[in-house]
N, C-alpha and C. Protein backbone atom coordinates (compact mmCIF):
# COMPACT_ATOMS: atom_id res chain seq x y z
N MET A 1 -6.22 64.71 157.60
CA MET A 1 -6.00 63.68 156.61
C MET A 1 -7.36 63.14 156.16
N LYS A 2 -7.66 63.33 154.90
CA LYS A 2 -8.94 62.89 154.35
C LYS A 2 -8.72 61.63 153.52
N LEU A 3 -9.47 60.58 153.85
CA LEU A 3 -9.36 59.34 153.09
C LEU A 3 -10.46 59.29 152.04
N ASP A 4 -10.09 58.84 150.85
CA ASP A 4 -11.10 58.68 149.82
C ASP A 4 -11.84 57.36 150.02
N ALA A 5 -12.85 57.13 149.21
CA ALA A 5 -13.73 55.98 149.40
C ALA A 5 -12.99 54.66 149.22
N ARG A 6 -12.08 54.59 148.25
CA ARG A 6 -11.41 53.31 148.03
C ARG A 6 -10.43 52.98 149.16
N THR A 7 -9.77 53.99 149.72
CA THR A 7 -8.89 53.74 150.85
C THR A 7 -9.69 53.30 152.06
N THR A 8 -10.82 53.94 152.29
CA THR A 8 -11.68 53.56 153.41
C THR A 8 -12.18 52.14 153.26
N ALA A 9 -12.63 51.78 152.06
CA ALA A 9 -13.12 50.42 151.82
C ALA A 9 -12.01 49.39 152.01
N ALA A 10 -10.83 49.68 151.48
CA ALA A 10 -9.72 48.74 151.61
C ALA A 10 -9.29 48.58 153.07
N VAL A 11 -9.26 49.67 153.81
CA VAL A 11 -8.88 49.59 155.23
C VAL A 11 -9.92 48.81 156.02
N LEU A 12 -11.20 49.01 155.71
CA LEU A 12 -12.25 48.26 156.41
C LEU A 12 -12.16 46.77 156.13
N VAL A 13 -11.89 46.39 154.88
CA VAL A 13 -11.74 44.97 154.55
C VAL A 13 -10.49 44.41 155.23
N LEU A 14 -9.42 45.19 155.25
CA LEU A 14 -8.19 44.77 155.92
C LEU A 14 -8.42 44.55 157.41
N LEU A 15 -9.07 45.49 158.07
CA LEU A 15 -9.33 45.36 159.50
C LEU A 15 -10.28 44.20 159.80
N ALA A 16 -11.27 43.99 158.94
CA ALA A 16 -12.18 42.86 159.12
C ALA A 16 -11.42 41.54 159.00
N GLY A 17 -10.52 41.46 158.04
CA GLY A 17 -9.72 40.24 157.88
C GLY A 17 -8.79 39.99 159.04
N LEU A 18 -8.12 41.04 159.52
CA LEU A 18 -7.23 40.88 160.66
C LEU A 18 -8.00 40.49 161.92
N ALA A 19 -9.15 41.12 162.13
CA ALA A 19 -9.97 40.79 163.30
C ALA A 19 -10.47 39.36 163.24
N LEU A 20 -10.94 38.94 162.07
CA LEU A 20 -11.44 37.57 161.93
C LEU A 20 -10.32 36.56 162.14
N ALA A 21 -9.15 36.80 161.57
CA ALA A 21 -8.03 35.89 161.75
C ALA A 21 -7.58 35.84 163.21
N PHE A 22 -7.51 37.00 163.86
CA PHE A 22 -7.09 37.05 165.26
C PHE A 22 -8.07 36.31 166.16
N VAL A 23 -9.35 36.62 166.01
CA VAL A 23 -10.37 35.99 166.87
C VAL A 23 -10.46 34.50 166.60
N SER A 24 -10.41 34.10 165.34
CA SER A 24 -10.54 32.67 165.05
C SER A 24 -9.33 31.89 165.56
N TYR A 25 -8.15 32.50 165.55
CA TYR A 25 -6.98 31.78 166.03
C TYR A 25 -6.90 31.76 167.56
N PHE A 26 -6.98 32.92 168.17
CA PHE A 26 -6.75 32.99 169.61
C PHE A 26 -7.97 32.66 170.46
N VAL A 27 -9.16 32.85 169.95
CA VAL A 27 -10.36 32.59 170.74
C VAL A 27 -10.99 31.26 170.39
N LEU A 28 -11.09 30.95 169.11
CA LEU A 28 -11.82 29.75 168.69
C LEU A 28 -10.94 28.52 168.51
N ALA A 29 -9.68 28.71 168.13
CA ALA A 29 -8.89 27.55 167.73
C ALA A 29 -7.76 27.17 168.69
N ALA A 30 -7.31 28.06 169.53
CA ALA A 30 -6.12 27.77 170.33
C ALA A 30 -6.45 27.83 171.82
N PRO A 31 -6.98 26.75 172.37
CA PRO A 31 -7.25 26.77 173.81
C PRO A 31 -5.94 26.76 174.61
N TRP A 32 -5.91 27.56 175.66
CA TRP A 32 -4.73 27.64 176.51
C TRP A 32 -4.94 26.79 177.74
N GLY A 33 -3.91 26.14 178.20
CA GLY A 33 -4.01 25.34 179.40
C GLY A 33 -2.84 24.41 179.58
N PHE A 34 -2.87 23.73 180.69
CA PHE A 34 -1.79 22.80 181.02
C PHE A 34 -2.37 21.44 181.33
N PRO A 35 -1.75 20.38 180.97
CA PRO A 35 -0.52 20.29 180.18
C PRO A 35 -0.80 20.61 178.71
N PRO A 36 0.11 21.31 178.06
CA PRO A 36 -0.14 21.75 176.69
C PRO A 36 -0.19 20.61 175.68
N ASP A 37 0.33 19.44 176.04
CA ASP A 37 0.32 18.33 175.10
C ASP A 37 -0.88 17.40 175.29
N SER A 38 -1.82 17.77 176.15
CA SER A 38 -3.00 16.92 176.34
C SER A 38 -3.96 17.07 175.16
N VAL A 39 -4.80 16.08 174.97
CA VAL A 39 -5.74 16.08 173.85
C VAL A 39 -6.74 17.23 173.99
N ASP A 40 -7.14 17.55 175.22
CA ASP A 40 -8.10 18.64 175.42
C ASP A 40 -7.56 19.99 174.96
N HIS A 41 -6.25 20.18 175.00
CA HIS A 41 -5.66 21.46 174.63
C HIS A 41 -5.03 21.44 173.24
N SER A 42 -5.16 20.32 172.51
CA SER A 42 -4.62 20.28 171.15
C SER A 42 -5.71 20.38 170.10
N ASN A 43 -6.95 20.16 170.46
CA ASN A 43 -8.06 20.28 169.52
C ASN A 43 -8.67 21.66 169.62
N PRO A 44 -9.10 22.24 168.50
CA PRO A 44 -9.72 23.57 168.56
C PRO A 44 -11.07 23.52 169.26
N ARG A 45 -11.46 24.65 169.84
CA ARG A 45 -12.76 24.73 170.52
C ARG A 45 -13.90 24.60 169.52
N VAL A 46 -13.75 25.20 168.35
CA VAL A 46 -14.74 25.13 167.29
C VAL A 46 -14.12 24.33 166.15
N PRO A 47 -14.77 23.27 165.68
CA PRO A 47 -14.14 22.40 164.67
C PRO A 47 -13.76 23.12 163.37
N PHE A 48 -14.51 24.13 162.98
CA PHE A 48 -14.23 24.80 161.71
C PHE A 48 -13.51 26.14 161.91
N ALA A 49 -12.86 26.34 163.04
CA ALA A 49 -12.13 27.58 163.30
C ALA A 49 -10.98 27.82 162.30
N PRO A 50 -10.27 26.79 161.86
CA PRO A 50 -9.23 27.05 160.85
C PRO A 50 -9.78 27.64 159.56
N THR A 51 -11.02 27.29 159.23
CA THR A 51 -11.64 27.87 158.04
C THR A 51 -11.83 29.37 158.21
N PHE A 52 -12.27 29.79 159.40
CA PHE A 52 -12.40 31.22 159.67
C PHE A 52 -11.06 31.93 159.57
N PHE A 53 -10.00 31.29 160.05
CA PHE A 53 -8.67 31.88 159.97
C PHE A 53 -8.26 32.08 158.51
N VAL A 54 -8.47 31.08 157.69
CA VAL A 54 -8.10 31.17 156.27
C VAL A 54 -8.92 32.26 155.58
N VAL A 55 -10.21 32.36 155.91
CA VAL A 55 -11.05 33.41 155.32
C VAL A 55 -10.55 34.78 155.76
N GLY A 56 -10.11 34.92 157.01
CA GLY A 56 -9.55 36.18 157.47
C GLY A 56 -8.30 36.57 156.71
N VAL A 57 -7.42 35.60 156.46
CA VAL A 57 -6.21 35.88 155.68
C VAL A 57 -6.58 36.25 154.24
N MET A 58 -7.60 35.58 153.70
CA MET A 58 -8.06 35.93 152.35
C MET A 58 -8.58 37.37 152.30
N PHE A 59 -9.30 37.79 153.34
CA PHE A 59 -9.78 39.18 153.40
C PHE A 59 -8.62 40.17 153.38
N VAL A 60 -7.53 39.83 154.05
CA VAL A 60 -6.37 40.72 154.05
C VAL A 60 -5.84 40.91 152.64
N PHE A 61 -5.76 39.83 151.87
CA PHE A 61 -5.29 39.94 150.49
C PHE A 61 -6.34 40.58 149.59
N ILE A 62 -7.61 40.35 149.87
CA ILE A 62 -8.68 40.95 149.08
C ILE A 62 -8.70 42.47 149.27
N ALA A 63 -8.22 42.95 150.41
CA ALA A 63 -8.15 44.39 150.64
C ALA A 63 -7.29 45.07 149.57
N ALA A 64 -6.21 44.44 149.16
CA ALA A 64 -5.38 45.01 148.09
C ALA A 64 -6.12 45.02 146.77
N ILE A 65 -6.90 43.98 146.51
CA ILE A 65 -7.69 43.92 145.28
C ILE A 65 -8.76 45.01 145.29
N VAL A 66 -9.41 45.19 146.44
CA VAL A 66 -10.42 46.25 146.55
C VAL A 66 -9.78 47.61 146.28
N TYR A 67 -8.62 47.86 146.82
CA TYR A 67 -7.96 49.14 146.62
C TYR A 67 -7.60 49.37 145.15
N GLU A 68 -7.12 48.32 144.50
CA GLU A 68 -6.69 48.48 143.11
C GLU A 68 -7.85 48.57 142.13
N LEU A 69 -8.95 47.88 142.39
CA LEU A 69 -10.06 47.86 141.44
C LEU A 69 -11.09 48.96 141.68
N TRP A 70 -11.11 49.54 142.88
CA TRP A 70 -12.06 50.62 143.18
C TRP A 70 -11.61 51.86 142.41
N PRO A 71 -12.53 52.50 141.68
CA PRO A 71 -12.12 53.70 140.95
C PRO A 71 -11.71 54.82 141.90
N GLY A 72 -10.57 55.40 141.64
CA GLY A 72 -10.06 56.47 142.50
C GLY A 72 -10.53 57.84 142.04
N GLU A 73 -10.36 58.81 142.91
CA GLU A 73 -10.70 60.18 142.58
C GLU A 73 -9.55 60.81 141.81
N ASP A 74 -9.87 61.45 140.74
CA ASP A 74 -8.83 62.10 139.93
C ASP A 74 -8.70 63.56 140.23
């Protein structure tokens, strides 16, 4: 299976967005611990982690734009 340049670029942007969203949510923003309702476990570890999550989701949608706007091979 040979991927053309636009598919490769779109998949790379998609994977970058998913990785950024996953890491920002589970590593930077959602501390695990008990009791779960304590203040220490309700605040994110990094104050701007939700911004990283939103940027990751934007990358996922931008992957479709990259695929559609990149000139394909005829």
